[in-house]
């Protein structure tokens, strides 16, 4: 009886904690100097962190206390307090950064260094200082932490490879070469939460390719559907006709953006069957999902807007006006 009561109380506490949490969509603006916070309950911009020129990537601390933002103008990671929305620290990096990621325990921050020989700069989240730089032999565009928290995964455009780092030792454990530059990536997990596949978008390719995490083997490339010549976008793609991936929390759907097609596609997992598409704004560049997996928020770099997509109906609900050239976005859960 005591055990059943304890389980019931734990479930009620978890439900109450989730209900009390505040969800925000964090949207960077690559040609602006501010990062915007969107309330997914109202689809309104409800907060802004100013003074960060050419903000590129953003990553939220797991406890929702801070936001880490790569500042391309100053080659720093800017740390913002998510209560006050004020920048509290500028952390110098070894060179010009692109995207950023945070370890699952919140103790480490990983900044992708795209310039020079390329690296992952490692920041201690307690002291807010750079403590290490992992050389990658190829500038890093995007960096991620796998869903199980065990690995840091980096993609290089000039190096044409994926680099996998052991999160515990912060040493490179394997790499895999790709036929062209590595753009966005996303992960599929096994039943036990370990990483099953990496989905990778490549330079010059309107589609994606899976990589088997256990064998490091590249799978069959998946090309996105063709659209009419009148709809096809060919200008301003920056070498990336397909740019942006997300996997729903239940692990059943892979969302794939195409800048060339001005659409977000949905593929089932694990069979990668195309089941639908949604027309969004101009130059969709990145996508993040709400924690319940019901809505996708697509950053439209060419429309200065964020498309809100209902994933069940595959309909665009609205477009939210944001800053200049919105690119990376993430979902933050605040206490």
C-alpha atoms as a PDB file:
ATOM      1  CA  UNK A   1       0.000   0.000   0.000  1.00  0.00           C
ATOM      2  CA  UNK A   2       2.854   2.342   0.938  1.00  0.00           C
ATOM      3  CA  UNK A   3       4.601   1.629  -2.374  1.00  0.00           C
ATOM      4  CA  UNK A   4       1.467   2.375  -4.409  1.00  0.00           C
ATOM      5  CA  UNK A   5       0.966   5.622  -2.481  1.00  0.00           C
ATOM      6  CA  UNK A   6       4.576   6.648  -3.111  1.00  0.00           C
ATOM      7  CA  UNK A   7       4.226   5.995  -6.858  1.00  0.00           C
ATOM      8  CA  UNK A   8       0.958   7.980  -6.973  1.00  0.00           C
ATOM      9  CA  UNK A   9       2.550  10.922  -5.161  1.00  0.00           C
ATOM     10  CA  UNK A  10       5.559  10.837  -7.507  1.00  0.00           C
ATOM     11  CA  UNK A  11       3.283  10.904 -10.562  1.00  0.00           C
ATOM     12  CA  UNK A  12       1.258  13.793  -9.134  1.00  0.00           C
ATOM     13  CA  UNK A  13       4.442  15.717  -8.362  1.00  0.00           C
ATOM     14  CA  UNK A  14       5.806  15.158 -11.895  1.00  0.00           C
ATOM     15  CA  UNK A  15       2.505  16.333 -13.397  1.00  0.00           C
ATOM     16  CA  UNK A  16       2.446  19.407 -11.193  1.00  0.00           C
ATOM     17  CA  UNK A  17       6.071  20.229 -12.066  1.00  0.00           C
ATOM     18  CA  UNK A  18       5.379  19.919 -15.801  1.00  0.00           C
ATOM     19  CA  UNK A  19       2.253  22.058 -15.494  1.00  0.00           C
ATOM     20  CA  UNK A  20       4.187  24.723 -13.602  1.00  0.00           C
ATOM     21  CA  UNK A  21       6.969  24.879 -16.181  1.00  0.00           C
ATOM     22  CA  UNK A  22       7.102  27.740 -18.674  1.00  0.00           C
ATOM     23  CA  UNK A  23       7.973  26.890 -22.264  1.00  0.00           C
ATOM     24  CA  UNK A  24       9.667  29.414 -24.515  1.00  0.00           C
ATOM     25  CA  UNK A  25      10.796  29.210 -28.135  1.00  0.00           C
ATOM     26  CA  UNK A  26      14.151  30.989 -28.301  1.00  0.00           C
ATOM     27  CA  UNK A  27      14.769  32.602 -31.674  1.00  0.00           C
ATOM     28  CA  UNK A  28      18.107  34.063 -32.768  1.00  0.00           C
ATOM     29  CA  UNK A  29      18.275  36.764 -35.444  1.00  0.00           C
ATOM     30  CA  UNK A  30      21.473  36.417 -37.462  1.00  0.00           C
ATOM     31  CA  UNK A  31      21.392  39.907 -38.962  1.00  0.00           C
ATOM     32  CA  UNK A  32      20.202  41.595 -35.781  1.00  0.00           C
ATOM     33  CA  UNK A  33      21.435  42.249 -32.269  1.00  0.00           C
ATOM     34  CA  UNK A  34      18.744  40.561 -30.197  1.00  0.00           C
ATOM     35  CA  UNK A  35      17.403  37.131 -29.303  1.00  0.00           C
ATOM     36  CA  UNK A  36      13.635  36.818 -28.978  1.00  0.00           C
ATOM     37  CA  UNK A  37      11.500  34.604 -26.741  1.00  0.00           C
ATOM     38  CA  UNK A  38       8.157  33.353 -28.037  1.00  0.00           C
ATOM     39  CA  UNK A  39       5.365  32.041 -25.802  1.00  0.00           C
ATOM     40  CA  UNK A  40       3.924  28.971 -27.619  1.00  0.00           C
ATOM     41  CA  UNK A  41       0.677  29.341 -25.659  1.00  0.00           C
ATOM     42  CA  UNK A  42      -0.052  32.696 -27.340  1.00  0.00           C
ATOM     43  CA  UNK A  43       2.439  32.679 -30.257  1.00  0.00           C
ATOM     44  CA  UNK A  44       3.576  36.142 -29.246  1.00  0.00           C
ATOM     45  CA  UNK A  45       7.078  37.520 -28.664  1.00  0.00           C
ATOM     46  CA  UNK A  46       7.153  38.006 -24.891  1.00  0.00           C
ATOM     47  CA  UNK A  47      10.811  38.738 -24.223  1.00  0.00           C
ATOM     48  CA  UNK A  48      14.013  39.969 -25.828  1.00  0.00           C
ATOM     49  CA  UNK A  49      17.703  39.735 -24.981  1.00  0.00           C
ATOM     50  CA  UNK A  50      19.458  42.681 -26.612  1.00  0.00           C
ATOM     51  CA  UNK A  51      22.991  43.738 -27.412  1.00  0.00           C
ATOM     52  CA  UNK A  52      24.268  40.528 -29.030  1.00  0.00           C
ATOM     53  CA  UNK A  53      25.501  41.336 -32.524  1.00  0.00           C
ATOM     54  CA  UNK A  54      25.259  38.554 -35.117  1.00  0.00           C
ATOM     55  CA  UNK A  55      23.864  36.046 -32.645  1.00  0.00           C
ATOM     56  CA  UNK A  56      24.063  32.594 -34.198  1.00  0.00           C
ATOM     57  CA  UNK A  57      23.313  29.600 -31.963  1.00  0.00           C
ATOM     58  CA  UNK A  58      21.439  29.390 -28.693  1.00  0.00           C
ATOM     59  CA  UNK A  59      21.239  26.643 -26.060  1.00  0.00           C
ATOM     60  CA  UNK A  60      19.331  26.675 -22.800  1.00  0.00           C
ATOM     61  CA  UNK A  61      20.626  25.295 -19.505  1.00  0.00           C
ATOM     62  CA  UNK A  62      18.633  22.169 -18.561  1.00  0.00           C
ATOM     63  CA  UNK A  63      17.321  23.900 -15.423  1.00  0.00           C
ATOM     64  CA  UNK A  64      16.066  26.866 -17.452  1.00  0.00           C
ATOM     65  CA  UNK A  65      18.210  29.376 -15.573  1.00  0.00           C
ATOM     66  CA  UNK A  66      20.469  30.538 -18.390  1.00  0.00           C
ATOM     67  CA  UNK A  67      20.764  30.884 -22.114  1.00  0.00           C
ATOM     68  CA  UNK A  68      24.085  30.455 -23.913  1.00  0.00           C
ATOM     69  CA  UNK A  69      24.406  32.356 -27.211  1.00  0.00           C
ATOM     70  CA  UNK A  70      27.253  32.432 -29.720  1.00  0.00           C
ATOM     71  CA  UNK A  71      28.183  36.011 -30.584  1.00  0.00           C
ATOM     72  CA  UNK A  72      29.815  36.026 -34.028  1.00  0.00           C
ATOM     73  CA  UNK A  73      30.708  39.709 -33.919  1.00  0.00           C
ATOM     74  CA  UNK A  74      32.821  39.355 -30.772  1.00  0.00           C
ATOM     75  CA  UNK A  75      33.753  35.634 -30.993  1.00  0.00           C
ATOM     76  CA  UNK A  76      32.293  35.009 -27.556  1.00  0.00           C
ATOM     77  CA  UNK A  77      29.661  32.933 -25.838  1.00  0.00           C
ATOM     78  CA  UNK A  78      27.265  35.374 -24.204  1.00  0.00           C
ATOM     79  CA  UNK A  79      25.483  34.085 -21.110  1.00  0.00           C
ATOM     80  CA  UNK A  80      22.019  35.479 -20.398  1.00  0.00           C
ATOM     81  CA  UNK A  81      19.971  35.139 -17.222  1.00  0.00           C
ATOM     82  CA  UNK A  82      16.552  33.857 -18.279  1.00  0.00           C
ATOM     83  CA  UNK A  83      14.792  35.616 -15.402  1.00  0.00           C
ATOM     84  CA  UNK A  84      16.143  39.096 -16.062  1.00  0.00           C
ATOM     85  CA  UNK A  85      16.894  38.572 -19.804  1.00  0.00           C
ATOM     86  CA  UNK A  86      20.213  40.334 -19.245  1.00  0.00           C
ATOM     87  CA  UNK A  87      23.644  39.213 -20.457  1.00  0.00           C
ATOM     88  CA  UNK A  88      25.732  38.415 -17.388  1.00  0.00           C
ATOM     89  CA  UNK A  89      28.949  37.160 -18.982  1.00  0.00           C
ATOM     90  CA  UNK A  90      30.938  37.296 -22.226  1.00  0.00           C
ATOM     91  CA  UNK A  91      33.219  34.264 -22.558  1.00  0.00           C
ATOM     92  CA  UNK A  92      36.062  34.666 -25.099  1.00  0.00           C
ATOM     93  CA  UNK A  93      36.491  31.819 -27.587  1.00  0.00           C
ATOM     94  CA  UNK A  94      39.520  30.659 -29.535  1.00  0.00           C
ATOM     95  CA  UNK A  95      38.062  31.823 -32.852  1.00  0.00           C
ATOM     96  CA  UNK A  96      34.877  32.653 -34.758  1.00  0.00           C
ATOM     97  CA  UNK A  97      31.915  30.488 -33.609  1.00  0.00           C
ATOM     98  CA  UNK A  98      28.792  29.051 -35.178  1.00  0.00           C
ATOM     99  CA  UNK A  99      26.374  26.862 -33.180  1.00  0.00           C
ATOM    100  CA  UNK A 100      26.345  25.737 -29.544  1.00  0.00           C
ATOM    101  CA  UNK A 101      25.154  22.876 -27.307  1.00  0.00           C
ATOM    102  CA  UNK A 102      24.895  22.066 -23.585  1.00  0.00           C
ATOM    103  CA  UNK A 103      25.545  18.761 -21.811  1.00  0.00           C
ATOM    104  CA  UNK A 104      22.504  17.004 -20.334  1.00  0.00           C
ATOM    105  CA  UNK A 105      23.708  17.637 -16.785  1.00  0.00           C
ATOM    106  CA  UNK A 106      24.230  21.325 -17.581  1.00  0.00           C
ATOM    107  CA  UNK A 107      27.868  21.293 -16.484  1.00  0.00           C
ATOM    108  CA  UNK A 108      29.491  21.797 -19.911  1.00  0.00           C
ATOM    109  CA  UNK A 109      28.816  24.088 -22.859  1.00  0.00           C
ATOM    110  CA  UNK A 110      30.188  23.249 -26.312  1.00  0.00           C
ATOM    111  CA  UNK A 111      30.800  26.020 -28.847  1.00  0.00           C
ATOM    112  CA  UNK A 112      31.407  25.152 -32.506  1.00  0.00           C
ATOM    113  CA  UNK A 113      34.479  26.983 -33.847  1.00  0.00           C
ATOM    114  CA  UNK A 114      34.129  27.376 -37.588  1.00  0.00           C
ATOM    115  CA  UNK A 115      37.241  29.438 -38.332  1.00  0.00           C
ATOM    116  CA  UNK A 116      40.877  28.379 -38.488  1.00  0.00           C
ATOM    117  CA  UNK A 117      41.589  24.668 -38.156  1.00  0.00           C
ATOM    118  CA  UNK A 118      38.262  24.138 -36.408  1.00  0.00           C
ATOM    119  CA  UNK A 119      37.489  23.065 -32.863  1.00  0.00           C
ATOM    120  CA  UNK A 120      34.946  22.564 -30.139  1.00  0.00           C
ATOM    121  CA  UNK A 121      35.566  25.031 -27.321  1.00  0.00           C
ATOM    122  CA  UNK A 122      34.524  23.600 -23.948  1.00  0.00           C
ATOM    123  CA  UNK A 123      33.116  25.910 -21.278  1.00  0.00           C
ATOM    124  CA  UNK A 124      32.682  25.064 -17.601  1.00  0.00           C
ATOM    125  CA  UNK A 125      29.138  26.171 -16.747  1.00  0.00           C
ATOM    126  CA  UNK A 126      29.989  26.668 -13.071  1.00  0.00           C
ATOM    127  CA  UNK A 127      32.908  29.052 -13.528  1.00  0.00           C
ATOM    128  CA  UNK A 128      31.755  30.332 -16.935  1.00  0.00           C
ATOM    129  CA  UNK A 129      35.254  30.003 -18.340  1.00  0.00           C
ATOM    130  CA  UNK A 130      36.673  28.170 -21.340  1.00  0.00           C
ATOM    131  CA  UNK A 131      38.583  25.166 -20.024  1.00  0.00           C
ATOM    132  CA  UNK A 132      39.446  23.197 -23.144  1.00  0.00           C
ATOM    133  CA  UNK A 133      39.511  23.276 -26.938  1.00  0.00           C
ATOM    134  CA  UNK A 134      39.087  20.028 -28.875  1.00  0.00           C
ATOM    135  CA  UNK A 135      40.780  20.334 -32.270  1.00  0.00           C
ATOM    136  CA  UNK A 136      38.750  18.830 -35.117  1.00  0.00           C
ATOM    137  CA  UNK A 137      40.817  19.470 -38.279  1.00  0.00           C
ATOM    138  CA  UNK A 138      37.961  21.194 -40.078  1.00  0.00           C
ATOM    139  CA  UNK A 139      35.792  24.154 -39.085  1.00  0.00           C
ATOM    140  CA  UNK A 140      32.679  23.112 -37.144  1.00  0.00           C
ATOM    141  CA  UNK A 141      29.304  24.449 -38.216  1.00  0.00           C
ATOM    142  CA  UNK A 142      26.924  22.688 -35.829  1.00  0.00           C
ATOM    143  CA  UNK A 143      27.465  20.813 -32.569  1.00  0.00           C
ATOM    144  CA  UNK A 144      25.036  18.602 -30.637  1.00  0.00           C
ATOM    145  CA  UNK A 145      24.809  16.402 -27.562  1.00  0.00           C
ATOM    146  CA  UNK A 146      23.157  13.037 -28.239  1.00  0.00           C
ATOM    147  CA  UNK A 147      19.788  12.421 -26.521  1.00  0.00           C
ATOM    148  CA  UNK A 148      21.394  10.036 -24.002  1.00  0.00           C
ATOM    149  CA  UNK A 149      24.006  12.666 -23.152  1.00  0.00           C
ATOM    150  CA  UNK A 150      26.940  10.344 -23.822  1.00  0.00           C
ATOM    151  CA  UNK A 151      28.408  11.938 -26.945  1.00  0.00           C
ATOM    152  CA  UNK A 152      29.092  15.336 -28.472  1.00  0.00           C
ATOM    153  CA  UNK A 153      28.625  15.287 -32.251  1.00  0.00           C
ATOM    154  CA  UNK A 154      30.126  17.926 -34.531  1.00  0.00           C
ATOM    155  CA  UNK A 155      29.725  18.524 -38.267  1.00  0.00           C
ATOM    156  CA  UNK A 156      32.264  20.182 -40.528  1.00  0.00           C
ATOM    157  CA  UNK A 157      31.529  21.842 -43.864  1.00  0.00           C
ATOM    158  CA  UNK A 158      35.139  22.233 -45.123  1.00  0.00           C
ATOM    159  CA  UNK A 159      36.276  18.986 -43.456  1.00  0.00           C
ATOM    160  CA  UNK A 160      33.330  17.037 -44.928  1.00  0.00           C
ATOM    161  CA  UNK A 161      32.970  14.833 -41.900  1.00  0.00           C
ATOM    162  CA  UNK A 162      31.103  14.059 -38.707  1.00  0.00           C
ATOM    163  CA  UNK A 163      33.183  13.954 -35.525  1.00  0.00           C
ATOM    164  CA  UNK A 164      31.945  12.074 -32.447  1.00  0.00           C
ATOM    165  CA  UNK A 165      33.386  12.938 -29.032  1.00  0.00           C
ATOM    166  CA  UNK A 166      32.994  11.004 -25.781  1.00  0.00           C
ATOM    167  CA  UNK A 167      31.248  13.483 -23.488  1.00  0.00           C
ATOM    168  CA  UNK A 168      32.868  12.042 -20.348  1.00  0.00           C
ATOM    169  CA  UNK A 169      36.498  12.146 -21.539  1.00  0.00           C
ATOM    170  CA  UNK A 170      36.046  14.938 -24.102  1.00  0.00           C
ATOM    171  CA  UNK A 171      38.185  13.007 -26.558  1.00  0.00           C
ATOM    172  CA  UNK A 172      37.367  12.168 -30.200  1.00  0.00           C
ATOM    173  CA  UNK A 173      36.288   8.526 -30.485  1.00  0.00           C
ATOM    174  CA  UNK A 174      35.413   8.275 -34.185  1.00  0.00           C
ATOM    175  CA  UNK A 175      34.824  10.230 -37.366  1.00  0.00           C
ATOM    176  CA  UNK A 176      33.047   9.480 -40.622  1.00  0.00           C
ATOM    177  CA  UNK A 177      33.655  11.206 -43.952  1.00  0.00           C
ATOM    178  CA  UNK A 178      30.784  12.471 -46.089  1.00  0.00           C
ATOM    179  CA  UNK A 179      30.704  13.303 -49.772  1.00  0.00           C
ATOM    180  CA  UNK A 180      30.141  16.998 -49.048  1.00  0.00           C
ATOM    181  CA  UNK A 181      29.998  19.486 -46.180  1.00  0.00           C
ATOM    182  CA  UNK A 182      27.966  18.567 -43.111  1.00  0.00           C
ATOM    183  CA  UNK A 183      25.062  20.885 -42.322  1.00  0.00           C
ATOM    184  CA  UNK A 184      22.316  20.205 -39.687  1.00  0.00           C
ATOM    185  CA  UNK A 185      22.073  16.837 -37.942  1.00  0.00           C
ATOM    186  CA  UNK A 186      19.500  15.055 -35.774  1.00  0.00           C
ATOM    187  CA  UNK A 187      19.294  11.761 -33.886  1.00  0.00           C
ATOM    188  CA  UNK A 188      17.131   8.648 -33.763  1.00  0.00           C
ATOM    189  CA  UNK A 189      17.326   6.548 -30.598  1.00  0.00           C
ATOM    190  CA  UNK A 190      17.041   2.882 -29.720  1.00  0.00           C
ATOM    191  CA  UNK A 191      14.478   1.617 -27.209  1.00  0.00           C
ATOM    192  CA  UNK A 192      17.026   2.010 -24.391  1.00  0.00           C
ATOM    193  CA  UNK A 193      17.671   5.657 -25.301  1.00  0.00           C
ATOM    194  CA  UNK A 194      21.054   5.085 -26.939  1.00  0.00           C
ATOM    195  CA  UNK A 195      21.739   6.617 -30.341  1.00  0.00           C
ATOM    196  CA  UNK A 196      20.621   4.530 -33.323  1.00  0.00           C
ATOM    197  CA  UNK A 197      21.163   6.827 -36.314  1.00  0.00           C
ATOM    198  CA  UNK A 198      22.339  10.324 -37.139  1.00  0.00           C
ATOM    199  CA  UNK A 199      20.407  12.086 -39.899  1.00  0.00           C
ATOM    200  CA  UNK A 200      22.685  14.492 -41.786  1.00  0.00           C
ATOM    201  CA  UNK A 201      21.989  17.224 -44.325  1.00  0.00           C
ATOM    202  CA  UNK A 202      24.806  17.913 -46.782  1.00  0.00           C
ATOM    203  CA  UNK A 203      25.944  20.901 -48.794  1.00  0.00           C
ATOM    204  CA  UNK A 204      24.356  21.087 -52.236  1.00  0.00           C
ATOM    205  CA  UNK A 205      21.866  18.276 -51.550  1.00  0.00           C
ATOM    206  CA  UNK A 206      18.120  18.777 -51.144  1.00  0.00           C
ATOM    207  CA  UNK A 207      17.631  15.863 -48.768  1.00  0.00           C
ATOM    208  CA  UNK A 208      19.430  13.959 -46.018  1.00  0.00           C
ATOM    209  CA  UNK A 209      21.456  10.823 -45.351  1.00  0.00           C
ATOM    210  CA  UNK A 210      21.330   8.471 -42.329  1.00  0.00           C
ATOM    211  CA  UNK A 211      24.479   7.286 -40.538  1.00  0.00           C
ATOM    212  CA  UNK A 212      24.371   4.105 -38.437  1.00  0.00           C
ATOM    213  CA  UNK A 213      25.775   5.096 -35.039  1.00  0.00           C
ATOM    214  CA  UNK A 214      27.059   1.603 -34.201  1.00  0.00           C
ATOM    215  CA  UNK A 215      28.775   0.802 -37.501  1.00  0.00           C
ATOM    216  CA  UNK A 216      29.449   4.391 -38.671  1.00  0.00           C
ATOM    217  CA  UNK A 217      28.153   3.377 -42.115  1.00  0.00           C
ATOM    218  CA  UNK A 218      26.348   5.857 -44.348  1.00  0.00           C
ATOM    219  CA  UNK A 219      22.913   4.698 -45.480  1.00  0.00           C
ATOM    220  CA  UNK A 220      20.966   5.467 -48.637  1.00  0.00           C
ATOM    221  CA  UNK A 221      20.499   9.166 -49.340  1.00  0.00           C
ATOM    222  CA  UNK A 222      16.903  10.398 -49.184  1.00  0.00           C
ATOM    223  CA  UNK A 223      16.114  13.102 -51.728  1.00  0.00           C
ATOM    224  CA  UNK A 224      13.244  15.450 -50.977  1.00  0.00           C
ATOM    225  CA  UNK A 225      10.384  15.776 -53.505  1.00  0.00           C
ATOM    226  CA  UNK A 226      10.717  18.012 -56.527  1.00  0.00           C
ATOM    227  CA  UNK A 227       8.547  21.121 -56.773  1.00  0.00           C
ATOM    228  CA  UNK A 228       7.625  23.121 -59.853  1.00  0.00           C
ATOM    229  CA  UNK A 229      10.167  25.492 -61.345  1.00  0.00           C
ATOM    230  CA  UNK A 230       7.933  28.413 -60.381  1.00  0.00           C
ATOM    231  CA  UNK A 231       8.108  27.421 -56.700  1.00  0.00           C
ATOM    232  CA  UNK A 232      11.751  26.394 -56.605  1.00  0.00           C
ATOM    233  CA  UNK A 233      14.106  28.782 -54.799  1.00  0.00           C
ATOM    234  CA  UNK A 234      17.659  28.858 -56.126  1.00  0.00           C
ATOM    235  CA  UNK A 235      19.041  32.182 -54.860  1.00  0.00           C
ATOM    236  CA  UNK A 236      20.524  32.763 -51.416  1.00  0.00           C
ATOM    237  CA  UNK A 237      20.685  29.116 -50.383  1.00  0.00           C
ATOM    238  CA  UNK A 238      24.260  29.493 -49.037  1.00  0.00           C
ATOM    239  CA  UNK A 239      25.106  26.056 -50.372  1.00  0.00           C
ATOM    240  CA  UNK A 240      22.383  24.400 -48.292  1.00  0.00           C
ATOM    241  CA  UNK A 241      19.137  23.671 -50.164  1.00  0.00           C
ATOM    242  CA  UNK A 242      17.955  21.531 -47.221  1.00  0.00           C
ATOM    243  CA  UNK A 243      18.653  22.968 -43.770  1.00  0.00           C
ATOM    244  CA  UNK A 244      16.919  21.969 -40.542  1.00  0.00           C
ATOM    245  CA  UNK A 245      15.893  18.702 -38.845  1.00  0.00           C
ATOM    246  CA  UNK A 246      13.906  17.629 -35.784  1.00  0.00           C
ATOM    247  CA  UNK A 247      12.624  14.340 -34.332  1.00  0.00           C
ATOM    248  CA  UNK A 248       9.361  14.307 -32.381  1.00  0.00           C
ATOM    249  CA  UNK A 249       9.613  13.366 -28.672  1.00  0.00           C
ATOM    250  CA  UNK A 250       7.878  10.026 -29.311  1.00  0.00           C
ATOM    251  CA  UNK A 251      10.547   9.164 -31.883  1.00  0.00           C
ATOM    252  CA  UNK A 252       7.997   8.513 -34.633  1.00  0.00           C
ATOM    253  CA  UNK A 253       8.464  11.469 -37.010  1.00  0.00           C
ATOM    254  CA  UNK A 254      11.480  13.139 -38.601  1.00  0.00           C
ATOM    255  CA  UNK A 255      10.812  16.734 -39.667  1.00  0.00           C
ATOM    256  CA  UNK A 256      12.956  17.933 -42.580  1.00  0.00           C
ATOM    257  CA  UNK A 257      13.221  21.492 -43.924  1.00  0.00           C
ATOM    258  CA  UNK A 258      13.900  22.457 -47.515  1.00  0.00           C
ATOM    259  CA  UNK A 259      14.916  26.037 -48.278  1.00  0.00           C
ATOM    260  CA  UNK A 260      14.739  25.213 -51.963  1.00  0.00           C
ATOM    261  CA  UNK A 261      11.149  23.956 -51.710  1.00  0.00           C
ATOM    262  CA  UNK A 262       9.943  26.367 -48.978  1.00  0.00           C
ATOM    263  CA  UNK A 263       8.516  23.392 -47.074  1.00  0.00           C
ATOM    264  CA  UNK A 264       8.781  21.173 -44.048  1.00  0.00           C
ATOM    265  CA  UNK A 265       8.403  17.446 -44.750  1.00  0.00           C
ATOM    266  CA  UNK A 266       7.477  14.653 -42.342  1.00  0.00           C
ATOM    267  CA  UNK A 267       9.009  11.177 -42.570  1.00  0.00           C
ATOM    268  CA  UNK A 268       8.030   8.236 -40.374  1.00  0.00           C
ATOM    269  CA  UNK A 269      10.617   6.486 -38.254  1.00  0.00           C
ATOM    270  CA  UNK A 270      12.236   4.054 -38.564  1.00  0.00           C
ATOM    271  CA  UNK A 271      11.175   3.372 -42.162  1.00  0.00           C
ATOM    272  CA  UNK A 272      11.672   6.928 -43.499  1.00  0.00           C
ATOM    273  CA  UNK A 273       8.388   7.001 -45.387  1.00  0.00           C
ATOM    274  CA  UNK A 274       7.239  10.439 -46.553  1.00  0.00           C
ATOM    275  CA  UNK A 275       3.809  11.100 -45.023  1.00  0.00           C
ATOM    276  CA  UNK A 276       3.216  14.801 -45.533  1.00  0.00           C
ATOM    277  CA  UNK A 277       4.451  18.315 -46.129  1.00  0.00           C
ATOM    278  CA  UNK A 278       3.736  21.881 -45.026  1.00  0.00           C
ATOM    279  CA  UNK A 279       4.440  25.069 -46.944  1.00  0.00           C
ATOM    280  CA  UNK A 280       6.122  27.597 -44.664  1.00  0.00           C
ATOM    281  CA  UNK A 281       7.871  30.951 -45.030  1.00  0.00           C
ATOM    282  CA  UNK A 282      10.751  31.925 -47.292  1.00  0.00           C
ATOM    283  CA  UNK A 283      14.120  30.211 -46.687  1.00  0.00           C
ATOM    284  CA  UNK A 284      13.188  27.962 -43.754  1.00  0.00           C
ATOM    285  CA  UNK A 285      16.481  27.484 -41.923  1.00  0.00           C
ATOM    286  CA  UNK A 286      15.907  25.724 -38.588  1.00  0.00           C
ATOM    287  CA  UNK A 287      13.155  23.985 -36.632  1.00  0.00           C
ATOM    288  CA  UNK A 288      12.391  23.263 -32.982  1.00  0.00           C
ATOM    289  CA  UNK A 289       9.434  21.440 -31.416  1.00  0.00           C
ATOM    290  CA  UNK A 290       7.303  21.978 -28.331  1.00  0.00           C
ATOM    291  CA  UNK A 291       7.977  19.437 -25.552  1.00  0.00           C
ATOM    292  CA  UNK A 292       4.668  17.661 -26.247  1.00  0.00           C
ATOM    293  CA  UNK A 293       5.586  17.250 -29.923  1.00  0.00           C
ATOM    294  CA  UNK A 294       2.399  18.914 -31.141  1.00  0.00           C
ATOM    295  CA  UNK A 295       3.866  21.987 -32.818  1.00  0.00           C
ATOM    296  CA  UNK A 296       6.941  22.850 -34.865  1.00  0.00           C
ATOM    297  CA  UNK A 297       8.447  26.326 -34.941  1.00  0.00           C
ATOM    298  CA  UNK A 298      10.243  26.991 -38.235  1.00  0.00           C
ATOM    299  CA  UNK A 299      12.652  29.922 -38.539  1.00  0.00           C
ATOM    300  CA  UNK A 300      12.128  31.591 -41.928  1.00  0.00           C
ATOM    301  CA  UNK A 301      15.370  33.458 -42.650  1.00  0.00           C
ATOM    302  CA  UNK A 302      13.961  35.065 -45.801  1.00  0.00           C
ATOM    303  CA  UNK A 303      10.623  36.136 -44.315  1.00  0.00           C
ATOM    304  CA  UNK A 304      11.868  37.421 -40.949  1.00  0.00           C
ATOM    305  CA  UNK A 305       9.229  35.230 -39.364  1.00  0.00           C
ATOM    306  CA  UNK A 306       8.632  31.958 -37.539  1.00  0.00           C
ATOM    307  CA  UNK A 307       6.046  29.540 -38.944  1.00  0.00           C
ATOM    308  CA  UNK A 308       4.005  27.609 -36.395  1.00  0.00           C
ATOM    309  CA  UNK A 309       3.057  24.198 -37.780  1.00  0.00           C
ATOM    310  CA  UNK A 310       0.484  21.831 -36.292  1.00  0.00           C
ATOM    311  CA  UNK A 311       2.235  18.489 -36.776  1.00  0.00           C
ATOM    312  CA  UNK A 312      -0.944  16.381 -36.661  1.00  0.00           C
ATOM    313  CA  UNK A 313      -2.809  18.331 -39.347  1.00  0.00           C
ATOM    314  CA  UNK A 314       0.400  19.469 -41.126  1.00  0.00           C
ATOM    315  CA  UNK A 315      -1.064  22.968 -41.363  1.00  0.00           C
ATOM    316  CA  UNK A 316       0.694  26.263 -40.801  1.00  0.00           C
ATOM    317  CA  UNK A 317      -1.202  27.874 -37.930  1.00  0.00           C
ATOM    318  CA  UNK A 318       0.396  31.303 -38.118  1.00  0.00           C
ATOM    319  CA  UNK A 319       3.600  33.220 -38.826  1.00  0.00           C
ATOM    320  CA  UNK A 320       5.190  35.253 -36.045  1.00  0.00           C
ATOM    321  CA  UNK A 321       7.188  38.322 -37.008  1.00  0.00           C
ATOM    322  CA  UNK A 322      10.643  38.342 -35.431  1.00  0.00           C
ATOM    323  CA  UNK A 323      13.981  40.068 -36.145  1.00  0.00           C
ATOM    324  CA  UNK A 324      16.247  40.198 -39.162  1.00  0.00           C
ATOM    325  CA  UNK A 325      17.256  36.858 -40.724  1.00  0.00           C
ATOM    326  CA  UNK A 326      16.090  34.429 -38.023  1.00  0.00           C
ATOM    327  CA  UNK A 327      18.031  31.184 -38.152  1.00  0.00           C
ATOM    328  CA  UNK A 328      18.749  28.919 -35.174  1.00  0.00           C
ATOM    329  CA  UNK A 329      16.023  28.351 -32.608  1.00  0.00           C
ATOM    330  CA  UNK A 330      15.623  26.106 -29.575  1.00  0.00           C
ATOM    331  CA  UNK A 331      12.962  25.207 -27.040  1.00  0.00           C
ATOM    332  CA  UNK A 332      13.629  26.208 -23.440  1.00  0.00           C
ATOM    333  CA  UNK A 333      11.707  24.944 -20.415  1.00  0.00           C
ATOM    334  CA  UNK A 334      11.848  27.459 -17.580  1.00  0.00           C
ATOM    335  CA  UNK A 335      10.944  26.695 -13.953  1.00  0.00           C
END
